[in-house]
Amino acid sequence: MKFNNIVAMIAATCGVTTAHAGGLSPEIVESSPVDPAPAAAASSVNPAYIVVGILAALLIGAAVSSDNDSGGSDEPEEPLCGRGSEC
């Protein structure tokens, strides 16, 4: 009978410790750290101004290049009469 008591105590002890092995507190779940994505740098200039500036530069370039073509022939102009030149 002594042997049965020892077996019963061992079984009871194992059952009690197994039931409360985790304790009564809620389980803590650790999440992996997440690095926030860096925010894009905000532009200090409105993109519409950039487009308008590029268009203005193209129009100025076209106007300057069209001033060289006066619609005349491809022959060089004759020099004007001036100081010390014979006319």
PDB file of N, CA and C in Angstrom:
ATOM      1  N   MET A   1       0.800  -1.175   0.000  1.00  0.00           N
ATOM      2  CA  MET A   1       0.000   0.000   0.000  1.00  0.00           C
ATOM      3  C   MET A   1       0.857   1.258   0.000  1.00  0.00           C
ATOM      4  N   LYS A   2       1.985   1.139   0.643  1.00  0.00           N
ATOM      5  CA  LYS A   2       2.889   2.272   0.678  1.00  0.00           C
ATOM      6  C   LYS A   2       3.340   2.624  -0.738  1.00  0.00           C
ATOM      7  N   PHE A   3       3.527   1.601  -1.546  1.00  0.00           N
ATOM      8  CA  PHE A   3       3.969   1.842  -2.922  1.00  0.00           C
ATOM      9  C   PHE A   3       2.876   2.565  -3.710  1.00  0.00           C
ATOM     10  N   ASN A   4       1.615   2.226  -3.504  1.00  0.00           N
ATOM     11  CA  ASN A   4       0.508   2.877  -4.202  1.00  0.00           C
ATOM     12  C   ASN A   4       0.405   4.355  -3.817  1.00  0.00           C
ATOM     13  N   ASN A   5       0.657   4.668  -2.578  1.00  0.00           N
ATOM     14  CA  ASN A   5       0.622   6.069  -2.136  1.00  0.00           C
ATOM     15  C   ASN A   5       1.722   6.892  -2.812  1.00  0.00           C
ATOM     16  N   ILE A   6       2.899   6.303  -2.942  1.00  0.00           N
ATOM     17  CA  ILE A   6       4.017   7.010  -3.579  1.00  0.00           C
ATOM     18  C   ILE A   6       3.700   7.258  -5.056  1.00  0.00           C
ATOM     19  N   VAL A   7       3.154   6.287  -5.735  1.00  0.00           N
ATOM     20  CA  VAL A   7       2.799   6.426  -7.140  1.00  0.00           C
ATOM     21  C   VAL A   7       1.695   7.472  -7.290  1.00  0.00           C
ATOM     22  N   ALA A   8       0.732   7.491  -6.397  1.00  0.00           N
ATOM     23  CA  ALA A   8      -0.359   8.460  -6.461  1.00  0.00           C
ATOM     24  C   ALA A   8       0.161   9.883  -6.225  1.00  0.00           C
ATOM     25  N   MET A   9       1.082  10.041  -5.286  1.00  0.00           N
ATOM     26  CA  MET A   9       1.655  11.370  -5.029  1.00  0.00           C
ATOM     27  C   MET A   9       2.477  11.862  -6.227  1.00  0.00           C
ATOM     28  N   ILE A  10       3.235  10.984  -6.828  1.00  0.00           N
ATOM     29  CA  ILE A  10       4.039  11.372  -7.998  1.00  0.00           C
ATOM     30  C   ILE A  10       3.114  11.758  -9.150  1.00  0.00           C
ATOM     31  N   ALA A  11       2.062  11.008  -9.366  1.00  0.00           N
ATOM     32  CA  ALA A  11       1.122  11.302 -10.446  1.00  0.00           C
ATOM     33  C   ALA A  11       0.405  12.623 -10.186  1.00  0.00           C
ATOM     34  N   ALA A  12       0.012  12.858  -8.941  1.00  0.00           N
ATOM     35  CA  ALA A  12      -0.670  14.108  -8.602  1.00  0.00           C
ATOM     36  C   ALA A  12       0.274  15.299  -8.766  1.00  0.00           C
ATOM     37  N   THR A  13       1.508  15.137  -8.370  1.00  0.00           N
ATOM     38  CA  THR A  13       2.488  16.220  -8.486  1.00  0.00           C
ATOM     39  C   THR A  13       2.754  16.548  -9.953  1.00  0.00           C
ATOM     40  N   CYS A  14       2.892  15.549 -10.783  1.00  0.00           N
ATOM     41  CA  CYS A  14       3.134  15.795 -12.216  1.00  0.00           C
ATOM     42  C   CYS A  14       1.926  16.442 -12.866  1.00  0.00           C
ATOM     43  N   GLY A  15       0.754  16.043 -12.479  1.00  0.00           N
ATOM     44  CA  GLY A  15      -0.456  16.616 -13.054  1.00  0.00           C
ATOM     45  C   GLY A  15      -0.631  18.073 -12.673  1.00  0.00           C
ATOM     46  N   VAL A  16      -0.334  18.428 -11.454  1.00  0.00           N
ATOM     47  CA  VAL A  16      -0.504  19.811 -10.996  1.00  0.00           C
ATOM     48  C   VAL A  16       0.525  20.722 -11.655  1.00  0.00           C
ATOM     49  N   THR A  17       1.771  20.318 -11.724  1.00  0.00           N
ATOM     50  CA  THR A  17       2.801  21.180 -12.316  1.00  0.00           C
ATOM     51  C   THR A  17       2.599  21.312 -13.821  1.00  0.00           C
ATOM     52  N   THR A  18       2.101  20.297 -14.491  1.00  0.00           N
ATOM     53  CA  THR A  18       1.865  20.377 -15.922  1.00  0.00           C
ATOM     54  C   THR A  18       0.708  21.319 -16.230  1.00  0.00           C
ATOM     55  N   ALA A  19      -0.300  21.319 -15.386  1.00  0.00           N
ATOM     56  CA  ALA A  19      -1.454  22.163 -15.632  1.00  0.00           C
ATOM     57  C   ALA A  19      -1.124  23.643 -15.466  1.00  0.00           C
ATOM     58  N   HIS A  20      -0.214  23.991 -14.595  1.00  0.00           N
ATOM     59  CA  HIS A  20       0.119  25.384 -14.319  1.00  0.00           C
ATOM     60  C   HIS A  20       1.533  25.746 -14.785  1.00  0.00           C
ATOM     61  N   ALA A  21       2.061  25.027 -15.746  1.00  0.00           N
ATOM     62  CA  ALA A  21       3.427  25.273 -16.190  1.00  0.00           C
ATOM     63  C   ALA A  21       3.581  26.657 -16.804  1.00  0.00           C
ATOM     64  N   GLY A  22       2.564  27.139 -17.503  1.00  0.00           N
ATOM     65  CA  GLY A  22       2.650  28.450 -18.137  1.00  0.00           C
ATOM     66  C   GLY A  22       2.248  29.575 -17.221  1.00  0.00           C
ATOM     67  N   GLY A  23       1.748  29.280 -16.072  1.00  0.00           N
ATOM     68  CA  GLY A  23       1.274  30.317 -15.171  1.00  0.00           C
ATOM     69  C   GLY A  23      -0.092  30.817 -15.609  1.00  0.00           C
ATOM     70  N   LEU A  24      -0.600  31.796 -14.907  1.00  0.00           N
ATOM     71  CA  LEU A  24      -1.926  32.321 -15.200  1.00  0.00           C
ATOM     72  C   LEU A  24      -1.886  33.632 -15.978  1.00  0.00           C
ATOM     73  N   SER A  25      -0.707  34.165 -16.247  1.00  0.00           N
ATOM     74  CA  SER A  25      -0.601  35.427 -16.986  1.00  0.00           C
ATOM     75  C   SER A  25      -0.811  35.164 -18.479  1.00  0.00           C
ATOM     76  N   PRO A  26      -1.272  36.170 -19.214  1.00  0.00           N
ATOM     77  CA  PRO A  26      -1.478  35.970 -20.660  1.00  0.00           C
ATOM     78  C   PRO A  26      -0.143  35.765 -21.379  1.00  0.00           C
ATOM     79  N   GLU A  27      -0.233  35.089 -22.487  1.00  0.00           N
ATOM     80  CA  GLU A  27       0.968  34.788 -23.255  1.00  0.00           C
ATOM     81  C   GLU A  27       1.507  36.052 -23.913  1.00  0.00           C
ATOM     82  N   ILE A  28       2.809  36.236 -23.869  1.00  0.00           N
ATOM     83  CA  ILE A  28       3.457  37.402 -24.481  1.00  0.00           C
ATOM     84  C   ILE A  28       3.970  36.990 -25.853  1.00  0.00           C
ATOM     85  N   VAL A  29       3.503  37.679 -26.879  1.00  0.00           N
ATOM     86  CA  VAL A  29       3.925  37.392 -28.241  1.00  0.00           C
ATOM     87  C   VAL A  29       4.862  38.503 -28.677  1.00  0.00           C
ATOM     88  N   GLU A  30       6.075  38.137 -29.001  1.00  0.00           N
ATOM     89  CA  GLU A  30       7.050  39.131 -29.447  1.00  0.00           C
ATOM     90  C   GLU A  30       6.977  39.252 -30.964  1.00  0.00           C
ATOM     91  N   SER A  31       6.833  40.463 -31.426  1.00  0.00           N
ATOM     92  CA  SER A  31       6.802  40.681 -32.870  1.00  0.00           C
ATOM     93  C   SER A  31       8.175  41.146 -33.327  1.00  0.00           C
ATOM     94  N   SER A  32       8.455  40.877 -34.576  1.00  0.00           N
ATOM     95  CA  SER A  32       9.744  41.306 -35.114  1.00  0.00           C
ATOM     96  C   SER A  32       9.721  42.820 -35.317  1.00  0.00           C
ATOM     97  N   PRO A  33      10.827  43.495 -35.059  1.00  0.00           N
ATOM     98  CA  PRO A  33      10.841  44.955 -35.234  1.00  0.00           C
ATOM     99  C   PRO A  33      10.705  45.327 -36.711  1.00  0.00           C
ATOM    100  N   VAL A  34       9.883  46.311 -36.974  1.00  0.00           N
ATOM    101  CA  VAL A  34       9.633  46.753 -38.344  1.00  0.00           C
ATOM    102  C   VAL A  34      10.178  48.166 -38.487  1.00  0.00           C
ATOM    103  N   ASP A  35      11.091  48.338 -39.416  1.00  0.00           N
ATOM    104  CA  ASP A  35      11.640  49.664 -39.673  1.00  0.00           C
ATOM    105  C   ASP A  35      10.672  50.434 -40.552  1.00  0.00           C
ATOM    106  N   PRO A  36      10.287  51.626 -40.136  1.00  0.00           N
ATOM    107  CA  PRO A  36       9.388  52.412 -40.997  1.00  0.00           C
ATOM    108  C   PRO A  36      10.130  52.872 -42.243  1.00  0.00           C
ATOM    109  N   ALA A  37       9.416  52.886 -43.346  1.00  0.00           N
ATOM    110  CA  ALA A  37      10.021  53.318 -44.607  1.00  0.00           C
ATOM    111  C   ALA A  37      10.287  54.818 -44.528  1.00  0.00           C
ATOM    112  N   PRO A  38      11.461  55.246 -45.001  1.00  0.00           N
ATOM    113  CA  PRO A  38      11.744  56.690 -44.961  1.00  0.00           C
ATOM    114  C   PRO A  38      10.793  57.437 -45.882  1.00  0.00           C
ATOM    115  N   ALA A  39      10.305  58.542 -45.400  1.00  0.00           N
ATOM    116  CA  ALA A  39       9.381  59.354 -46.185  1.00  0.00           C
ATOM    117  C   ALA A  39      10.139  60.061 -47.304  1.00  0.00           C
ATOM    118  N   ALA A  40       9.483  60.192 -48.422  1.00  0.00           N
ATOM    119  CA  ALA A  40      10.100  60.891 -49.548  1.00  0.00           C
ATOM    120  C   ALA A  40      10.241  62.366 -49.211  1.00  0.00           C
ATOM    121  N   ALA A  41      11.364  62.926 -49.625  1.00  0.00           N
ATOM    122  CA  ALA A  41      11.598  64.340 -49.367  1.00  0.00           C
ATOM    123  C   ALA A  41      10.620  65.179 -50.177  1.00  0.00           C
ATOM    124  N   ALA A  42      10.001  66.099 -49.514  1.00  0.00           N
ATOM    125  CA  ALA A  42       9.033  66.959 -50.189  1.00  0.00           C
ATOM    126  C   ALA A  42       9.774  68.000 -51.027  1.00  0.00           C
ATOM    127  N   SER A  43       9.290  68.219 -52.215  1.00  0.00           N
ATOM    128  CA  SER A  43       9.900  69.189 -53.113  1.00  0.00           C
ATOM    129  C   SER A  43       9.522  70.591 -52.670  1.00  0.00           C
ATOM    130  N   SER A  44      10.480  71.505 -52.734  1.00  0.00           N
ATOM    131  CA  SER A  44      10.195  72.876 -52.340  1.00  0.00           C
ATOM    132  C   SER A  44       9.631  73.684 -53.507  1.00  0.00           C
ATOM    133  N   VAL A  45       9.676  73.113 -54.715  1.00  0.00           N
ATOM    134  CA  VAL A  45       9.190  73.816 -55.903  1.00  0.00           C
ATOM    135  C   VAL A  45       8.024  73.033 -56.486  1.00  0.00           C
ATOM    136  N   ASN A  46       6.989  73.736 -56.865  1.00  0.00           N
ATOM    137  CA  ASN A  46       5.838  73.119 -57.496  1.00  0.00           C
ATOM    138  C   ASN A  46       6.258  72.594 -58.876  1.00  0.00           C
ATOM    139  N   PRO A  47       5.961  71.338 -59.222  1.00  0.00           N
ATOM    140  CA  PRO A  47       6.366  70.792 -60.516  1.00  0.00           C
ATOM    141  C   PRO A  47       5.817  71.577 -61.706  1.00  0.00           C
ATOM    142  N   ALA A  48       4.704  72.267 -61.535  1.00  0.00           N
ATOM    143  CA  ALA A  48       4.150  73.059 -62.642  1.00  0.00           C
ATOM    144  C   ALA A  48       5.109  74.183 -63.038  1.00  0.00           C
ATOM    145  N   TYR A  49       5.796  74.764 -62.057  1.00  0.00           N
ATOM    146  CA  TYR A  49       6.761  75.824 -62.362  1.00  0.00           C
ATOM    147  C   TYR A  49       7.948  75.279 -63.162  1.00  0.00           C
ATOM    148  N   ILE A  50       8.334  74.053 -62.889  1.00  0.00           N
ATOM    149  CA  ILE A  50       9.443  73.452 -63.629  1.00  0.00           C
ATOM    150  C   ILE A  50       9.045  73.259 -65.091  1.00  0.00           C
ATOM    151  N   VAL A  51       7.833  72.764 -65.318  1.00  0.00           N
ATOM    152  CA  VAL A  51       7.360  72.554 -66.695  1.00  0.00           C
ATOM    153  C   VAL A  51       7.253  73.886 -67.426  1.00  0.00           C
ATOM    154  N   VAL A  52       6.714  74.903 -66.761  1.00  0.00           N
ATOM    155  CA  VAL A  52       6.591  76.220 -67.386  1.00  0.00           C
ATOM    156  C   VAL A  52       7.977  76.782 -67.699  1.00  0.00           C
ATOM    157  N   GLY A  53       8.933  76.598 -66.810  1.00  0.00           N
ATOM    158  CA  GLY A  53      10.299  77.077 -67.056  1.00  0.00           C
ATOM    159  C   GLY A  53      10.948  76.394 -68.246  1.00  0.00           C
ATOM    160  N   ILE A  54      10.753  75.094 -68.372  1.00  0.00           N
ATOM    161  CA  ILE A  54      11.325  74.359 -69.512  1.00  0.00           C
ATOM    162  C   ILE A  54      10.684  74.827 -70.818  1.00  0.00           C
ATOM    163  N   LEU A  55       9.356  74.989 -70.799  1.00  0.00           N
ATOM    164  CA  LEU A  55       8.681  75.474 -72.013  1.00  0.00           C
ATOM    165  C   LEU A  55       9.150  76.881 -72.387  1.00  0.00           C
ATOM    166  N   ALA A  56       9.346  77.750 -71.392  1.00  0.00           N
ATOM    167  CA  ALA A  56       9.825  79.102 -71.675  1.00  0.00           C
ATOM    168  C   ALA A  56      11.232  79.062 -72.270  1.00  0.00           C
ATOM    169  N   ALA A  57      12.085  78.194 -71.743  1.00  0.00           N
ATOM    170  CA  ALA A  57      13.444  78.072 -72.280  1.00  0.00           C
ATOM    171  C   ALA A  57      13.419  77.572 -73.725  1.00  0.00           C
ATOM    172  N   LEU A  58      12.547  76.638 -74.023  1.00  0.00           N
ATOM    173  CA  LEU A  58      12.436  76.141 -75.403  1.00  0.00           C
ATOM    174  C   LEU A  58      11.927  77.229 -76.342  1.00  0.00           C
ATOM    175  N   LEU A  59      10.944  78.005 -75.902  1.00  0.00           N
ATOM    176  CA  LEU A  59      10.426  79.086 -76.747  1.00  0.00           C
ATOM    177  C   LEU A  59      11.475  80.170 -76.975  1.00  0.00           C
ATOM    178  N   ILE A  60      12.225  80.504 -75.935  1.00  0.00           N
ATOM    179  CA  ILE A  60      13.294  81.510 -76.095  1.00  0.00           C
ATOM    180  C   ILE A  60      14.363  80.989 -77.042  1.00  0.00           C
ATOM    181  N   GLY A  61      14.714  79.714 -76.906  1.00  0.00           N
ATOM    182  CA  GLY A  61      15.710  79.130 -77.805  1.00  0.00           C
ATOM    183  C   GLY A  61      15.238  79.125 -79.249  1.00  0.00           C
ATOM    184  N   ALA A  62      13.956  78.835 -79.458  1.00  0.00           N
ATOM    185  CA  ALA A  62      13.417  78.843 -80.819  1.00  0.00           C
ATOM    186  C   ALA A  62      13.392  80.262 -81.383  1.00  0.00           C
ATOM    187  N   ALA A  63      13.081  81.252 -80.557  1.00  0.00           N
ATOM    188  CA  ALA A  63      13.044  82.643 -81.022  1.00  0.00           C
ATOM    189  C   ALA A  63      14.444  83.142 -81.377  1.00  0.00           C
ATOM    190  N   VAL A  64      15.434  82.769 -80.578  1.00  0.00           N
ATOM    191  CA  VAL A  64      16.809  83.205 -80.857  1.00  0.00           C
ATOM    192  C   VAL A  64      17.324  82.564 -82.136  1.00  0.00           C
ATOM    193  N   SER A  65      17.025  81.301 -82.342  1.00  0.00           N
ATOM    194  CA  SER A  65      17.525  80.636 -83.544  1.00  0.00           C
ATOM    195  C   SER A  65      16.788  81.132 -84.790  1.00  0.00           C
ATOM    196  N   SER A  66      15.549  81.565 -84.667  1.00  0.00           N
ATOM    197  CA  SER A  66      14.834  82.060 -85.845  1.00  0.00           C
ATOM    198  C   SER A  66      15.260  83.477 -86.205  1.00  0.00           C
ATOM    199  N   ASP A  67      15.867  84.241 -85.283  1.00  0.00           N
ATOM    200  CA  ASP A  67      16.365  85.576 -85.601  1.00  0.00           C
ATOM    201  C   ASP A  67      17.547  85.514 -86.561  1.00  0.00           C
ATOM    202  N   ASN A  68      18.306  84.446 -86.525  1.00  0.00           N
ATOM    203  CA  ASN A  68      19.455  84.313 -87.416  1.00  0.00           C
ATOM    204  C   ASN A  68      19.008  84.050 -88.849  1.00  0.00           C
ATOM    205  N   ASP A  69      17.865  83.465 -89.039  1.00  0.00           N
ATOM    206  CA  ASP A  69      17.337  83.206 -90.376  1.00  0.00           C
ATOM    207  C   ASP A  69      16.408  84.363 -90.738  1.00  0.00           C
ATOM    208  N   SER A  70      16.932  85.359 -91.440  1.00  0.00           N
ATOM    209  CA  SER A  70      16.118  86.533 -91.758  1.00  0.00           C
ATOM    210  C   SER A  70      15.312  86.333 -93.036  1.00  0.00           C
ATOM    211  N   GLY A  71      15.335  85.157 -93.603  1.00  0.00           N
ATOM    212  CA  GLY A  71      14.548  84.880 -94.792  1.00  0.00           C
ATOM    213  C   GLY A  71      15.272  85.279 -96.074  1.00  0.00           C
ATOM    214  N   GLY A  72      16.470  85.741 -95.989  1.00  0.00           N
ATOM    215  CA  GLY A  72      17.233  86.150 -97.173  1.00  0.00           C
ATOM    216  C   GLY A  72      17.961  84.976 -97.781  1.00  0.00           C
ATOM    217  N   SER A  73      18.829  85.296 -98.744  1.00  0.00           N
ATOM    218  CA  SER A  73      19.595  84.242 -99.410  1.00  0.00           C
ATOM    219  C   SER A  73      20.739  83.797 -98.514  1.00  0.00           C
ATOM    220  N   ASP A  74      21.398  82.736 -98.950  1.00  0.00           N
ATOM    221  CA  ASP A  74      22.508  82.196 -98.177  1.00  0.00           C
ATOM    222  C   ASP A  74      23.818  82.941 -98.446  1.00  0.00           C
ATOM    223  N   GLU A  75      23.799  83.940 -99.309  1.00  0.00           N
ATOM    224  CA  GLU A  75      25.017  84.691 -99.606  1.00  0.00           C
ATOM    225  C   GLU A  75      25.335  85.625 -98.451  1.00  0.00           C
ATOM    226  N   PRO A  76      26.622  85.825 -98.155  1.00  0.00           N
ATOM    227  CA  PRO A  76      26.985  86.746 -97.073  1.00  0.00           C
ATOM    228  C   PRO A  76      26.646  88.182 -97.450  1.00  0.00           C
ATOM    229  N   GLU A  77      26.310  88.969 -96.449  1.00  0.00           N
ATOM    230  CA  GLU A  77      25.974  90.358 -96.700  1.00  0.00           C
ATOM    231  C   GLU A  77      27.221  91.158 -97.037  1.00  0.00           C
ATOM    232  N   GLU A  78      27.027  92.204 -97.865  1.00  0.00           N
ATOM    233  CA  GLU A  78      28.152  93.072 -98.180  1.00  0.00           C
ATOM    234  C   GLU A  78      28.379  94.020 -97.010  1.00  0.00           C
ATOM    235  N   PRO A  79      29.648  94.336 -96.723  1.00  0.00           N
ATOM    236  CA  PRO A  79      29.930  95.235 -95.623  1.00  0.00           C
ATOM    237  C   PRO A  79      29.394  96.643 -95.923  1.00  0.00           C
ATOM    238  N   LEU A  80      28.933  97.297 -94.876  1.00  0.00           N
ATOM    239  CA  LEU A  80      28.429  98.661 -95.006  1.00  0.00           C
ATOM    240  C   LEU A  80      29.601  99.628 -95.148  1.00  0.00           C
ATOM    241  N   CYS A  81      29.366 100.756 -95.780  1.00  0.00           N
ATOM    242  CA  CYS A  81      30.394 101.785 -95.903  1.00  0.00           C
ATOM    243  C   CYS A  81      30.595 102.417 -94.550  1.00  0.00           C
ATOM    244  N   GLY A  82      31.807 102.535 -94.139  1.00  0.00           N
ATOM    245  CA  GLY A  82      32.087 103.126 -92.855  1.00  0.00           C
ATOM    246  C   GLY A  82      33.408 103.845 -92.895  1.00  0.00           C
ATOM    247  N   ARG A  83      34.026 104.011 -91.756  1.00  0.00           N
ATOM    248  CA  ARG A  83      35.295 104.747 -91.697  1.00  0.00           C
ATOM    249  C   ARG A  83      36.384 104.010 -92.488  1.00  0.00           C
ATOM    250  N   GLY A  84      37.039 104.741 -93.297  1.00  0.00           N
ATOM    251  CA  GLY A  84      38.215 104.251 -94.032  1.00  0.00           C
ATOM    252  C   GLY A  84      37.909 103.227 -95.090  1.00  0.00           C
ATOM    253  N   SER A  85      36.683 102.897 -95.345  1.00  0.00           N
ATOM    254  CA  SER A  85      36.385 101.943 -96.393  1.00  0.00           C
ATOM    255  C   SER A  85      35.872 102.690 -97.606  1.00  0.00           C
ATOM    256  N   GLU A  86      36.121 102.165 -98.726  1.00  0.00           N
ATOM    257  CA  GLU A  86      35.686 102.810 -99.962  1.00  0.00           C
ATOM    258  C   GLU A  86      34.316 102.310-100.358  1.00  0.00           C
ATOM    259  N   CYS A  87      33.440 103.195-100.735  1.00  0.00           N
ATOM    260  CA  CYS A  87      32.116 102.809-101.153  1.00  0.00           C
ATOM    261  C   CYS A  87      31.949 102.959-102.631  1.00  0.00           C
TER     262      CYS A  87
END
